[in-house]
Amino acid sequence: MSEKWDTRDIAKAHFRTYTNAQTGKKRGSDYIAFIVFPLLLGVLASLLRHCGRFGLYDVSKFIGGVGIFTGLLFGLLTNVFTLSLRLQRDDDLGEHDTTKNVKELFTNVSWAVLVGLLLIVLLVTCSSVSDPEKAVHWAWTGILVTVFLHLILTVLMSLKRLWLAHSKISLLPPKIK
């Protein structure tokens, strides 16, 4: 795999954030919440689609919205990068809890951008093989629902990390001039 587009490091870093902040141990509930839960809802959506009780029509209409959302996430990522750089270098807060939260935020937003890009590719592929007048195949329904829910949960986790970082601002040492 080319080093220029290899994203395994981002994936590894993201899944390393599924830990208990106090103990540093892996947290099984995070894996359930961010992987198993979206997968189960995707399977449920597939079953409902297969039974004719649920359907996604003309998924090409989602491409623009998901594209814009992913672009906004990429913009947020550049802002978090700047903040991370400033905290570590300019403010010399490399070991502070706020810096740790910002590093994890950077990791999670990076992952969200990748998942958003994956969702765009899936939407484009699905729309190119599906009739817009008919509900998409049950397998596509499950895949799209699973990836979409994972993306939303990852963005919510990023929001929580930003909230945590903000809540610890008062604990930062005063800036020395």
Protein backbone atom coordinates (compact mmCIF):
# COMPACT_ATOMS: atom_id res chain seq x y z
CA MET A 1 0.00 0.00 0.00
CA SER A 2 1.30 3.44 -0.87
CA GLU A 3 2.45 5.49 2.09
CA LYS A 4 0.79 8.54 0.57
CA TRP A 5 -2.72 7.20 1.07
CA ASP A 6 -2.25 4.53 3.74
CA THR A 7 -4.73 5.29 6.51
CA ARG A 8 -4.02 2.36 8.82
CA ASP A 9 -2.24 4.65 11.30
CA ILE A 10 -5.36 6.78 11.62
CA ALA A 11 -7.50 3.68 12.20
CA LYS A 12 -5.11 2.29 14.83
CA ALA A 13 -4.93 5.63 16.63
CA HIS A 14 -8.71 6.02 16.56
CA PHE A 15 -9.39 2.60 18.04
CA ARG A 16 -6.74 3.26 20.71
CA THR A 17 -9.01 6.05 21.98
CA TYR A 18 -11.58 3.42 22.99
CA THR A 19 -10.10 3.31 26.48
CA ASN A 20 -10.97 4.26 30.01
CA ALA A 21 -9.37 7.65 30.67
CA GLN A 22 -8.53 6.84 34.30
CA THR A 23 -7.08 3.34 33.87
CA GLY A 24 -5.92 3.41 30.25
CA LYS A 25 -7.48 -0.03 29.68
CA LYS A 26 -9.54 -0.86 26.63
CA ARG A 27 -13.19 -0.17 27.15
CA GLY A 28 -15.47 -2.87 25.77
CA SER A 29 -18.51 -0.64 25.96
CA ASP A 30 -16.90 1.72 23.43
CA TYR A 31 -16.52 -1.12 20.94
CA ILE A 32 -20.14 -2.08 21.54
CA ALA A 33 -21.36 1.51 21.18
CA PHE A 34 -19.34 2.47 18.10
CA ILE A 35 -19.14 -0.83 16.20
CA VAL A 36 -21.67 -3.40 17.43
CA PHE A 37 -24.60 -0.97 17.89
CA PRO A 38 -24.38 0.53 14.36
CA LEU A 39 -23.88 -2.98 12.96
CA LEU A 40 -26.98 -4.28 14.75
CA LEU A 41 -29.06 -1.34 13.54
CA GLY A 42 -27.70 -1.90 10.03
CA VAL A 43 -28.74 -5.55 10.20
CA LEU A 44 -32.17 -4.50 11.52
CA ALA A 45 -32.54 -2.00 8.66
CA SER A 46 -31.55 -4.76 6.20
CA LEU A 47 -34.13 -7.12 7.64
CA LEU A 48 -36.81 -4.45 7.58
CA ARG A 49 -35.90 -3.62 3.97
CA HIS A 50 -35.98 -7.31 3.04
CA CYS A 51 -39.47 -7.55 4.55
CA GLY A 52 -40.59 -4.39 2.74
CA ARG A 53 -41.01 -2.32 5.91
CA PHE A 54 -38.12 0.11 5.31
CA GLY A 55 -36.50 1.54 2.22
CA LEU A 56 -33.91 4.02 1.05
CA TYR A 57 -34.76 5.62 -2.29
CA ASP A 58 -32.51 7.62 -4.61
CA VAL A 59 -29.50 7.72 -2.30
CA SER A 60 -27.75 10.03 -4.78
CA LYS A 61 -29.54 12.88 -3.01
CA PHE A 62 -27.42 12.20 0.08
CA ILE A 63 -24.08 12.55 -1.71
CA GLY A 64 -23.99 16.36 -1.65
CA GLY A 65 -24.98 16.63 2.00
CA VAL A 66 -22.51 13.99 3.16
CA GLY A 67 -19.84 15.59 0.97
CA ILE A 68 -20.39 19.02 2.52
CA PHE A 69 -20.48 17.50 6.01
CA THR A 70 -17.21 15.66 5.38
CA GLY A 71 -15.65 18.86 4.00
CA LEU A 72 -16.67 20.71 7.15
CA LEU A 73 -15.14 17.91 9.24
CA PHE A 74 -11.92 18.32 7.26
CA GLY A 75 -11.97 22.06 8.03
CA LEU A 76 -12.50 21.26 11.70
CA LEU A 77 -9.56 18.86 11.51
CA THR A 78 -7.24 21.62 10.31
CA ASN A 79 -8.40 23.85 13.18
CA VAL A 80 -7.81 21.07 15.71
CA PHE A 81 -4.35 20.50 14.20
CA THR A 82 -3.52 24.18 14.71
CA LEU A 83 -4.80 24.06 18.28
CA SER A 84 -2.83 20.89 19.00
CA LEU A 85 0.34 22.41 17.59
CA ARG A 86 -0.13 25.53 19.66
CA LEU A 87 -0.79 23.63 22.89
CA GLN A 88 2.25 21.42 22.45
CA ARG A 89 4.72 23.93 21.11
CA ASP A 90 3.71 27.49 21.81
CA ASP A 91 2.11 26.97 25.20
CA ASP A 92 4.40 24.07 26.23
CA LEU A 93 1.49 21.99 27.54
CA GLY A 94 2.49 18.66 25.97
CA GLU A 95 1.64 16.58 29.05
CA HIS A 96 -1.53 18.36 30.20
CA ASP A 97 -4.95 16.62 30.18
CA THR A 98 -6.31 19.27 27.82
CA THR A 99 -3.57 18.46 25.32
CA LYS A 100 -4.41 14.75 25.60
CA ASN A 101 -8.08 15.50 24.91
CA VAL A 102 -7.14 17.63 21.90
CA LYS A 103 -4.87 14.86 20.56
CA GLU A 104 -7.72 12.35 20.88
CA LEU A 105 -10.08 14.86 19.27
CA PHE A 106 -7.66 15.16 16.33
CA THR A 107 -7.58 11.37 16.02
CA ASN A 108 -11.35 11.02 16.17
CA VAL A 109 -12.04 13.82 13.69
CA SER A 110 -9.43 12.30 11.33
CA TRP A 111 -11.31 9.01 11.54
CA ALA A 112 -14.64 10.79 10.99
CA VAL A 113 -13.25 12.35 7.80
CA LEU A 114 -12.22 8.89 6.58
CA VAL A 115 -15.62 7.42 7.42
CA GLY A 116 -17.29 10.37 5.67
CA LEU A 117 -15.20 9.72 2.56
CA LEU A 118 -16.09 6.02 2.73
CA LEU A 119 -19.76 6.91 3.00
CA ILE A 120 -19.51 9.16 -0.06
CA VAL A 121 -17.88 6.35 -2.07
CA LEU A 122 -20.56 3.91 -0.91
CA LEU A 123 -23.35 6.37 -1.78
CA VAL A 124 -21.90 7.01 -5.24
CA THR A 125 -21.49 3.29 -5.88
CA CYS A 126 -24.94 2.44 -4.57
CA SER A 127 -26.61 5.19 -6.59
CA SER A 128 -24.86 4.02 -9.75
CA VAL A 129 -26.18 0.46 -9.41
CA SER A 130 -29.64 1.25 -8.03
CA ASP A 131 -32.83 2.42 -9.66
CA PRO A 132 -33.84 5.72 -7.97
CA GLU A 133 -37.51 4.71 -8.25
CA LYS A 134 -36.99 1.53 -6.20
CA ALA A 135 -35.68 1.02 -2.70
CA VAL A 136 -32.02 0.06 -2.67
CA HIS A 137 -31.13 -3.59 -2.13
CA TRP A 138 -31.34 -4.85 1.46
CA ALA A 139 -27.55 -5.37 1.63
CA TRP A 140 -26.87 -1.78 0.56
CA THR A 141 -29.41 -0.59 3.12
CA GLY A 142 -27.57 -2.34 5.93
CA ILE A 143 -24.15 -1.11 4.84
CA LEU A 144 -25.25 2.51 4.42
CA VAL A 145 -27.13 2.60 7.73
CA THR A 146 -24.18 1.03 9.59
CA VAL A 147 -21.58 3.43 8.18
CA PHE A 148 -23.83 6.46 8.64
CA LEU A 149 -24.53 5.60 12.29
CA HIS A 150 -20.84 4.97 12.96
CA LEU A 151 -20.05 8.39 11.46
CA ILE A 152 -22.66 10.15 13.59
CA LEU A 153 -21.50 8.40 16.78
CA THR A 154 -17.88 9.29 16.01
CA VAL A 155 -18.83 12.94 15.54
CA LEU A 156 -20.71 12.83 18.86
CA MET A 157 -17.61 11.37 20.53
CA SER A 158 -15.55 14.18 19.01
CA LEU A 159 -18.01 16.70 20.38
CA LYS A 160 -17.65 15.12 23.82
CA ARG A 161 -13.83 15.30 23.60
CA LEU A 162 -14.04 18.98 22.64
CA TRP A 163 -16.37 19.54 25.58
CA LEU A 164 -13.92 17.79 27.92
CA ALA A 165 -11.02 19.87 26.63
CA HIS A 166 -13.05 23.03 27.12
CA SER A 167 -14.07 22.04 30.64
CA LYS A 168 -10.40 21.72 31.62
CA ILE A 169 -9.37 25.18 30.43
CA SER A 170 -9.56 26.53 33.96
CA LEU A 171 -7.00 23.90 35.03
CA LEU A 172 -4.40 25.16 32.56
CA PRO A 173 -1.44 26.97 34.09
CA PRO A 174 -1.31 30.70 33.41
CA LYS A 175 0.55 31.65 30.26
CA ILE A 176 3.97 33.11 31.00
CA LYS A 177 4.92 36.03 28.80
